[in-house]
C-alpha atoms as a PDB file:
ATOM      1  CA  MET A   1      30.904  16.463 100.108  1.00  0.00           C
ATOM      2  CA  SER A   2      30.301  13.994  97.278  1.00  0.00           C
ATOM      3  CA  VAL A   3      31.803  14.192  93.849  1.00  0.00           C
ATOM      4  CA  THR A   4      28.350  15.498  92.666  1.00  0.00           C
ATOM      5  CA  MET A   5      28.638  18.470  95.044  1.00  0.00           C
ATOM      6  CA  LEU A   6      32.250  19.197  94.004  1.00  0.00           C
ATOM      7  CA  ALA A   7      31.195  19.160  90.277  1.00  0.00           C
ATOM      8  CA  LEU A   8      28.972  22.181  90.924  1.00  0.00           C
ATOM      9  CA  VAL A   9      32.105  24.303  90.582  1.00  0.00           C
ATOM     10  CA  LEU A  10      33.737  22.660  87.817  1.00  0.00           C
ATOM     11  CA  LEU A  11      33.684  24.540  84.554  1.00  0.00           C
ATOM     12  CA  VAL A  12      32.693  22.749  81.385  1.00  0.00           C
ATOM     13  CA  ALA A  13      32.708  25.849  79.258  1.00  0.00           C
ATOM     14  CA  PRO A  14      34.501  25.423  75.966  1.00  0.00           C
ATOM     15  CA  PRO A  15      38.154  26.916  76.233  1.00  0.00           C
ATOM     16  CA  PRO A  16      38.968  30.222  74.386  1.00  0.00           C
ATOM     17  CA  ASP A  17      40.181  30.055  70.825  1.00  0.00           C
ATOM     18  CA  GLY A  18      43.529  28.362  70.612  1.00  0.00           C
ATOM     19  CA  LEU A  19      43.549  27.191  74.295  1.00  0.00           C
ATOM     20  CA  SER A  20      42.923  23.658  73.519  1.00  0.00           C
ATOM     21  CA  ALA A  21      46.113  23.398  71.627  1.00  0.00           C
ATOM     22  CA  THR A  22      48.053  24.282  74.734  1.00  0.00           C
ATOM     23  CA  LEU A  23      46.386  21.632  76.934  1.00  0.00           C
ATOM     24  CA  SER A  24      47.745  18.173  76.886  1.00  0.00           C
ATOM     25  CA  PRO A  25      45.724  15.084  77.592  1.00  0.00           C
ATOM     26  CA  PRO A  26      43.929  14.356  79.833  1.00  0.00           C
ATOM     27  CA  ALA A  27      43.271  18.017  80.280  1.00  0.00           C
ATOM     28  CA  ALA A  28      42.144  18.726  76.623  1.00  0.00           C
ATOM     29  CA  GLN A  29      39.498  15.969  76.619  1.00  0.00           C
ATOM     30  CA  SER A  30      36.550  17.489  74.760  1.00  0.00           C
ATOM     31  CA  GLY A  31      37.618  20.974  75.565  1.00  0.00           C
ATOM     32  CA  ASP A  32      36.533  20.518  79.187  1.00  0.00           C
ATOM     33  CA  LEU A  33      39.214  22.472  80.848  1.00  0.00           C
ATOM     34  CA  ALA A  34      40.056  19.286  82.811  1.00  0.00           C
ATOM     35  CA  ALA A  35      36.674  18.936  84.478  1.00  0.00           C
ATOM     36  CA  ARG A  36      36.668  15.128  84.274  1.00  0.00           C
ATOM     37  CA  PRO A  37      39.813  14.559  86.212  1.00  0.00           C
ATOM     38  CA  LEU A  38      38.937  17.171  88.731  1.00  0.00           C
ATOM     39  CA  ALA A  39      35.468  15.763  89.358  1.00  0.00           C
ATOM     40  CA  ALA A  40      37.223  12.379  90.007  1.00  0.00           C
ATOM     41  CA  GLY A  41      39.655  14.088  92.517  1.00  0.00           C
ATOM     42  CA  ARG A  42      42.524  13.592  90.223  1.00  0.00           C
ATOM     43  CA  GLY A  43      43.596  17.198  90.068  1.00  0.00           C
ATOM     44  CA  GLY A  44      47.262  16.300  90.336  1.00  0.00           C
ATOM     45  CA  GLU A  45      47.076  14.788  86.911  1.00  0.00           C
ATOM     46  CA  VAL A  46      46.156  18.169  85.199  1.00  0.00           C
ATOM     47  CA  ILE A  47      47.940  20.828  87.300  1.00  0.00           C
ATOM     48  CA  ALA A  48      50.767  21.181  84.590  1.00  0.00           C
ATOM     49  CA  ALA A  49      48.365  21.547  81.819  1.00  0.00           C
ATOM     50  CA  LEU A  50      46.190  24.093  83.735  1.00  0.00           C
ATOM     51  CA  GLU A  51      49.304  26.101  84.697  1.00  0.00           C
ATOM     52  CA  GLN A  52      50.486  26.130  81.046  1.00  0.00           C
ATOM     53  CA  ALA A  53      47.035  27.352  79.955  1.00  0.00           C
ATOM     54  CA  SER A  54      47.152  29.936  82.663  1.00  0.00           C
ATOM     55  CA  ARG A  55      50.507  31.233  81.622  1.00  0.00           C
ATOM     56  CA  THR A  56      49.111  31.474  77.963  1.00  0.00           C
ATOM     57  CA  ASN A  57      46.085  33.460  79.129  1.00  0.00           C
ATOM     58  CA  PRO A  58      46.519  34.715  82.690  1.00  0.00           C
ATOM     59  CA  HIS A  59      43.018  36.527  82.605  1.00  0.00           C
ATOM     60  CA  ASP A  60      40.995  33.317  81.806  1.00  0.00           C
ATOM     61  CA  ALA A  61      38.864  32.886  84.780  1.00  0.00           C
ATOM     62  CA  ALA A  62      37.652  29.441  83.824  1.00  0.00           C
ATOM     63  CA  VAL A  63      41.123  28.050  83.769  1.00  0.00           C
ATOM     64  CA  LEU A  64      42.029  29.814  87.059  1.00  0.00           C
ATOM     65  CA  ILE A  65      39.111  28.379  88.899  1.00  0.00           C
ATOM     66  CA  ASN A  66      39.802  24.846  87.742  1.00  0.00           C
ATOM     67  CA  LEU A  67      43.552  25.472  88.537  1.00  0.00           C
ATOM     68  CA  GLY A  68      42.431  26.499  92.017  1.00  0.00           C
ATOM     69  CA  ILE A  69      40.407  23.290  92.417  1.00  0.00           C
ATOM     70  CA  ALA A  70      43.334  21.128  91.301  1.00  0.00           C
ATOM     71  CA  TYR A  71      45.554  22.890  93.753  1.00  0.00           C
ATOM     72  CA  ALA A  72      43.052  22.529  96.532  1.00  0.00           C
ATOM     73  CA  GLN A  73      42.602  18.746  95.804  1.00  0.00           C
ATOM     74  CA  GLN A  74      46.400  18.367  96.273  1.00  0.00           C
ATOM     75  CA  GLY A  75      46.180  20.106  99.650  1.00  0.00           C
ATOM     76  CA  ASP A  76      47.823  23.271  98.438  1.00  0.00           C
ATOM     77  CA  ASP A  77      45.342  25.881  99.847  1.00  0.00           C
ATOM     78  CA  THR A  78      47.722  28.808  99.417  1.00  0.00           C
ATOM     79  CA  LYS A  79      48.013  28.334  95.555  1.00  0.00           C
ATOM     80  CA  ALA A  80      44.278  27.446  95.466  1.00  0.00           C
ATOM     81  CA  ARG A  81      43.342  30.655  97.145  1.00  0.00           C
ATOM     82  CA  ALA A  82      45.646  32.688  94.868  1.00  0.00           C
ATOM     83  CA  ALA A  83      44.215  31.137  91.801  1.00  0.00           C
ATOM     84  CA  PHE A  84      40.472  31.770  93.002  1.00  0.00           C
ATOM     85  CA  GLU A  85      41.435  35.353  93.819  1.00  0.00           C
ATOM     86  CA  ALA A  86      43.057  35.865  90.448  1.00  0.00           C
ATOM     87  CA  ALA A  87      39.787  34.575  88.813  1.00  0.00           C
ATOM     88  CA  LEU A  88      37.775  36.919  91.063  1.00  0.00           C
ATOM     89  CA  ALA A  89      39.960  39.947  89.923  1.00  0.00           C
ATOM     90  CA  CYS A  90      39.729  39.300  86.262  1.00  0.00           C
ATOM     91  CA  HIS A  91      38.489  42.510  84.601  1.00  0.00           C
ATOM     92  CA  GLU A  92      36.186  40.644  82.168  1.00  0.00           C
ATOM     93  CA  VAL A  93      33.272  38.897  83.840  1.00  0.00           C
ATOM     94  CA  VAL A  94      32.087  35.892  81.843  1.00  0.00           C
ATOM     95  CA  GLU A  95      29.081  33.673  81.836  1.00  0.00           C
ATOM     96  CA  LEU A  96      30.347  30.076  82.490  1.00  0.00           C
ATOM     97  CA  ASP A  97      28.443  26.781  82.271  1.00  0.00           C
ATOM     98  CA  ILE A  98      29.029  24.516  85.215  1.00  0.00           C
ATOM     99  CA  ALA A  99      28.810  20.832  85.613  1.00  0.00           C
ATOM    100  CA  ASP A 100      25.304  20.696  87.032  1.00  0.00           C
ATOM    101  CA  GLY A 101      23.939  22.240  83.841  1.00  0.00           C
ATOM    102  CA  THR A 102      23.403  25.811  85.160  1.00  0.00           C
ATOM    103  CA  ALA A 103      25.329  28.921  84.213  1.00  0.00           C
ATOM    104  CA  THR A 104      26.777  31.664  86.491  1.00  0.00           C
ATOM    105  CA  ASP A 105      29.244  34.503  86.102  1.00  0.00           C
ATOM    106  CA  SER A 106      33.005  33.869  86.899  1.00  0.00           C
ATOM    107  CA  ARG A 107      33.149  36.216  89.880  1.00  0.00           C
ATOM    108  CA  ARG A 108      30.218  34.497  91.532  1.00  0.00           C
ATOM    109  CA  LEU A 109      31.877  31.227  90.847  1.00  0.00           C
ATOM    110  CA  ALA A 110      35.225  32.249  92.211  1.00  0.00           C
ATOM    111  CA  ARG A 111      33.594  33.422  95.322  1.00  0.00           C
ATOM    112  CA  ARG A 112      31.832  30.244  95.897  1.00  0.00           C
ATOM    113  CA  ALA A 113      35.116  28.344  95.393  1.00  0.00           C
ATOM    114  CA  LEU A 114      36.794  30.422  97.923  1.00  0.00           C
ATOM    115  CA  LYS A 115      34.015  29.551 100.378  1.00  0.00           C
ATOM    116  CA  MET A 116      34.255  25.904  99.596  1.00  0.00           C
ATOM    117  CA  LEU A 117      38.113  26.110 100.111  1.00  0.00           C
ATOM    118  CA  GLU A 118      37.678  27.787 103.560  1.00  0.00           C
ATOM    119  CA  ARG A 119      35.215  24.954 104.602  1.00  0.00           C
ATOM    120  CA  GLY A 120      37.699  22.308 103.373  1.00  0.00           C
ATOM    121  CA  GLU A 121      35.201  20.907 100.790  1.00  0.00           C
ATOM    122  CA  PHE A 122      37.803  20.126  98.174  1.00  0.00           C
ATOM    123  CA  ARG A 123      39.579  17.559 100.444  1.00  0.00           C
ATOM    124  CA  PRO A 124      38.757  13.810 100.064  1.00  0.00           C
ATOM    125  CA  ALA A 125      35.879  12.794 102.302  1.00  0.00           C
ATOM    126  CA  ASP A 126      38.018  10.494 104.586  1.00  0.00           C
ATOM    127  CA  GLU A 127      40.294  13.522 105.372  1.00  0.00           C
ATOM    128  CA  ARG A 128      37.405  15.849 106.064  1.00  0.00           C
ATOM    129  CA  ASN A 129      35.708  13.241 108.301  1.00  0.00           C
ATOM    130  CA  GLN A 130      38.969  12.888 110.443  1.00  0.00           C
ATOM    131  CA  LYS A 131      38.612  16.597 111.557  1.00  0.00           C
ATOM    132  CA  LEU A 132      35.004  16.121 112.857  1.00  0.00           C
ATOM    133  CA  THR A 133      34.603  15.700 116.570  1.00  0.00           C
ATOM    134  CA  LEU A 134      31.723  14.313 118.478  1.00  0.00           C
ATOM    135  CA  ARG A 135      30.300  16.311 121.401  1.00  0.00           C
ATOM    136  CA  ASN A 136      27.984  15.015 124.109  1.00  0.00           C
END
């Protein structure tokens, strides 16, 4: 999956009031909830900032989804699944803008992220290609 495809689930909605103050660079760039580093496959750079944001507001689906993506990029599927499931379980369903310019609700996006995790789509392309086999 290309970075463009991955960007389909990266949130670019503005953070809730006061959240940007809890995010440290590069996560706080333009209030993008760390979408740029995640789209570049550098989730490890923003995990600490997203974890802090999640502790500040544990029911913020946008933060939870991006935290799940960061974990998945680092190969921690267990934590990624937990973050996506927490986003899915949030009581408030919110409309989120995503990187491809469309909008969707947070639960739909969390379900989509879980499916991508199951398919291994957050892994680097070279790692995914090593798991493919040729059949005659």
